[in-house]
């Protein structure tokens, strides 16, 4: 997994746990790898960025919608005898080398 999207696990999460992307259960080894305290995905994941004022206003007025990709990573785990959910975890995209100008 050379190019990986990384999702840091919250400190409260201990194994065993379940991972969901947009509500769909993911399988360790097939869909993601666990390395230390990070989940590593080889498929592209994205979080929608902040909306600008004009875009927000157009949505508020019902003129336009937003159709950007916005993946949600959730982890279900047990703590203190109760099932808990860590939701909307941050996604760190792979580091890319800056493009060099052609000469």
C-alpha atoms as a PDB file:
ATOM      1  CA  UNK A   1       0.000   0.000   0.000  1.00  0.00           C
ATOM      2  CA  UNK A   2       2.296   2.753  -1.310  1.00  0.00           C
ATOM      3  CA  UNK A   3      -0.284   5.519  -1.640  1.00  0.00           C
ATOM      4  CA  UNK A   4      -2.571   5.436   1.387  1.00  0.00           C
ATOM      5  CA  UNK A   5      -5.287   7.588   2.882  1.00  0.00           C
ATOM      6  CA  UNK A   6      -4.711   7.587   6.642  1.00  0.00           C
ATOM      7  CA  UNK A   7      -7.360   7.788   9.375  1.00  0.00           C
ATOM      8  CA  UNK A   8      -5.900   8.216  12.888  1.00  0.00           C
ATOM      9  CA  UNK A   9      -7.737   6.240  15.569  1.00  0.00           C
ATOM     10  CA  UNK A  10      -8.935   8.102  18.667  1.00  0.00           C
ATOM     11  CA  UNK A  11      -7.078   7.108  21.841  1.00  0.00           C
ATOM     12  CA  UNK A  12     -10.190   5.457  23.367  1.00  0.00           C
ATOM     13  CA  UNK A  13     -10.499   2.941  20.515  1.00  0.00           C
ATOM     14  CA  UNK A  14      -9.117  -0.507  21.361  1.00  0.00           C
ATOM     15  CA  UNK A  15      -9.417  -3.780  19.479  1.00  0.00           C
ATOM     16  CA  UNK A  16     -11.753  -5.368  18.609  1.00  0.00           C
ATOM     17  CA  UNK A  17     -13.478  -2.662  16.594  1.00  0.00           C
ATOM     18  CA  UNK A  18     -15.492  -2.324  13.385  1.00  0.00           C
ATOM     19  CA  UNK A  19     -14.789   0.169  10.598  1.00  0.00           C
ATOM     20  CA  UNK A  20     -17.429   1.728   8.346  1.00  0.00           C
ATOM     21  CA  UNK A  21     -17.026   3.998   5.309  1.00  0.00           C
ATOM     22  CA  UNK A  22     -20.242   5.826   4.469  1.00  0.00           C
ATOM     23  CA  UNK A  23     -22.158   3.262   6.536  1.00  0.00           C
ATOM     24  CA  UNK A  24     -20.674   0.222   4.778  1.00  0.00           C
ATOM     25  CA  UNK A  25     -18.664  -2.198   6.931  1.00  0.00           C
ATOM     26  CA  UNK A  26     -15.033  -2.580   5.864  1.00  0.00           C
ATOM     27  CA  UNK A  27     -12.938  -5.718   6.265  1.00  0.00           C
ATOM     28  CA  UNK A  28      -9.429  -5.549   7.665  1.00  0.00           C
ATOM     29  CA  UNK A  29      -6.907  -6.793   5.114  1.00  0.00           C
ATOM     30  CA  UNK A  30      -9.308  -6.417   2.181  1.00  0.00           C
ATOM     31  CA  UNK A  31     -10.420  -2.782   2.574  1.00  0.00           C
ATOM     32  CA  UNK A  32      -7.901  -1.319   5.015  1.00  0.00           C
ATOM     33  CA  UNK A  33      -4.778  -2.094   7.018  1.00  0.00           C
ATOM     34  CA  UNK A  34      -4.103  -1.286  10.656  1.00  0.00           C
ATOM     35  CA  UNK A  35      -0.644   0.118  11.338  1.00  0.00           C
ATOM     36  CA  UNK A  36      -0.116   1.224  14.896  1.00  0.00           C
ATOM     37  CA  UNK A  37      -2.922   3.695  15.674  1.00  0.00           C
ATOM     38  CA  UNK A  38      -3.785   4.365  12.016  1.00  0.00           C
ATOM     39  CA  UNK A  39      -6.194   2.882   9.515  1.00  0.00           C
ATOM     40  CA  UNK A  40      -4.682   2.903   6.017  1.00  0.00           C
ATOM     41  CA  UNK A  41      -6.933   2.765   2.952  1.00  0.00           C
ATOM     42  CA  UNK A  42      -5.652   2.314  -0.593  1.00  0.00           C
ATOM     43  CA  UNK A  43      -8.888   3.567  -2.173  1.00  0.00           C
ATOM     44  CA  UNK A  44      -9.298   7.346  -2.428  1.00  0.00           C
ATOM     45  CA  UNK A  45     -11.172   9.003   0.438  1.00  0.00           C
ATOM     46  CA  UNK A  46     -12.142  12.667   0.697  1.00  0.00           C
ATOM     47  CA  UNK A  47     -13.673  15.157   3.087  1.00  0.00           C
ATOM     48  CA  UNK A  48     -15.689  18.052   1.761  1.00  0.00           C
ATOM     49  CA  UNK A  49     -13.906  21.297   2.480  1.00  0.00           C
ATOM     50  CA  UNK A  50     -15.447  24.423   3.911  1.00  0.00           C
ATOM     51  CA  UNK A  51     -18.098  26.075   1.785  1.00  0.00           C
ATOM     52  CA  UNK A  52     -17.475  29.603   0.585  1.00  0.00           C
ATOM     53  CA  UNK A  53     -19.964  32.372   1.332  1.00  0.00           C
ATOM     54  CA  UNK A  54     -21.505  32.392  -2.148  1.00  0.00           C
ATOM     55  CA  UNK A  55     -21.877  28.587  -2.219  1.00  0.00           C
ATOM     56  CA  UNK A  56     -23.373  28.527   1.288  1.00  0.00           C
ATOM     57  CA  UNK A  57     -25.820  31.307   0.392  1.00  0.00           C
ATOM     58  CA  UNK A  58     -26.895  29.556  -2.823  1.00  0.00           C
ATOM     59  CA  UNK A  59     -27.582  26.345  -0.856  1.00  0.00           C
ATOM     60  CA  UNK A  60     -29.450  28.274   1.839  1.00  0.00           C
ATOM     61  CA  UNK A  61     -31.641  29.956  -0.774  1.00  0.00           C
ATOM     62  CA  UNK A  62     -32.288  26.662  -2.545  1.00  0.00           C
ATOM     63  CA  UNK A  63     -30.574  27.774  -5.751  1.00  0.00           C
ATOM     64  CA  UNK A  64     -27.926  25.052  -5.757  1.00  0.00           C
ATOM     65  CA  UNK A  65     -26.813  21.998  -3.851  1.00  0.00           C
ATOM     66  CA  UNK A  66     -23.443  20.523  -3.074  1.00  0.00           C
ATOM     67  CA  UNK A  67     -22.298  17.344  -4.715  1.00  0.00           C
ATOM     68  CA  UNK A  68     -18.724  17.092  -3.545  1.00  0.00           C
ATOM     69  CA  UNK A  69     -17.339  13.803  -2.308  1.00  0.00           C
ATOM     70  CA  UNK A  70     -17.601  13.605   1.471  1.00  0.00           C
ATOM     71  CA  UNK A  71     -16.607  10.245   2.924  1.00  0.00           C
ATOM     72  CA  UNK A  72     -17.480   9.484   6.528  1.00  0.00           C
ATOM     73  CA  UNK A  73     -15.238   7.091   8.468  1.00  0.00           C
ATOM     74  CA  UNK A  74     -16.803   5.647  11.620  1.00  0.00           C
ATOM     75  CA  UNK A  75     -15.346   3.184  14.123  1.00  0.00           C
ATOM     76  CA  UNK A  76     -17.537   1.140  16.490  1.00  0.00           C
ATOM     77  CA  UNK A  77     -15.788  -0.117  19.629  1.00  0.00           C
ATOM     78  CA  UNK A  78     -16.461  -1.031  23.262  1.00  0.00           C
ATOM     79  CA  UNK A  79     -15.392   1.026  26.264  1.00  0.00           C
ATOM     80  CA  UNK A  80     -16.551   0.555  29.837  1.00  0.00           C
ATOM     81  CA  UNK A  81     -18.893  -2.229  28.755  1.00  0.00           C
ATOM     82  CA  UNK A  82     -20.750   0.023  26.305  1.00  0.00           C
ATOM     83  CA  UNK A  83     -20.683   0.171  22.522  1.00  0.00           C
ATOM     84  CA  UNK A  84     -19.450   3.535  21.320  1.00  0.00           C
ATOM     85  CA  UNK A  85     -18.997   5.172  17.943  1.00  0.00           C
ATOM     86  CA  UNK A  86     -16.194   7.480  16.871  1.00  0.00           C
ATOM     87  CA  UNK A  87     -17.705   9.194  13.839  1.00  0.00           C
ATOM     88  CA  UNK A  88     -16.570  11.461  11.024  1.00  0.00           C
ATOM     89  CA  UNK A  89     -12.900  10.759  11.727  1.00  0.00           C
ATOM     90  CA  UNK A  90     -10.326  12.940   9.954  1.00  0.00           C
ATOM     91  CA  UNK A  91      -8.821  11.724   6.666  1.00  0.00           C
ATOM     92  CA  UNK A  92      -5.198  12.455   5.807  1.00  0.00           C
ATOM     93  CA  UNK A  93      -4.558  12.162   2.055  1.00  0.00           C
ATOM     94  CA  UNK A  94      -1.310  10.686   0.709  1.00  0.00           C
ATOM     95  CA  UNK A  95       1.645  13.001   0.381  1.00  0.00           C
ATOM     96  CA  UNK A  96       2.319  13.848  -3.212  1.00  0.00           C
ATOM     97  CA  UNK A  97       5.518  15.235  -4.598  1.00  0.00           C
ATOM     98  CA  UNK A  98       5.121  18.718  -6.045  1.00  0.00           C
ATOM     99  CA  UNK A  99       4.838  18.717  -9.811  1.00  0.00           C
ATOM    100  CA  UNK A 100       7.870  20.028 -11.601  1.00  0.00           C
ATOM    101  CA  UNK A 101       7.548  22.435 -14.503  1.00  0.00           C
ATOM    102  CA  UNK A 102       8.380  20.986 -17.888  1.00  0.00           C
ATOM    103  CA  UNK A 103      11.381  22.414 -19.651  1.00  0.00           C
END
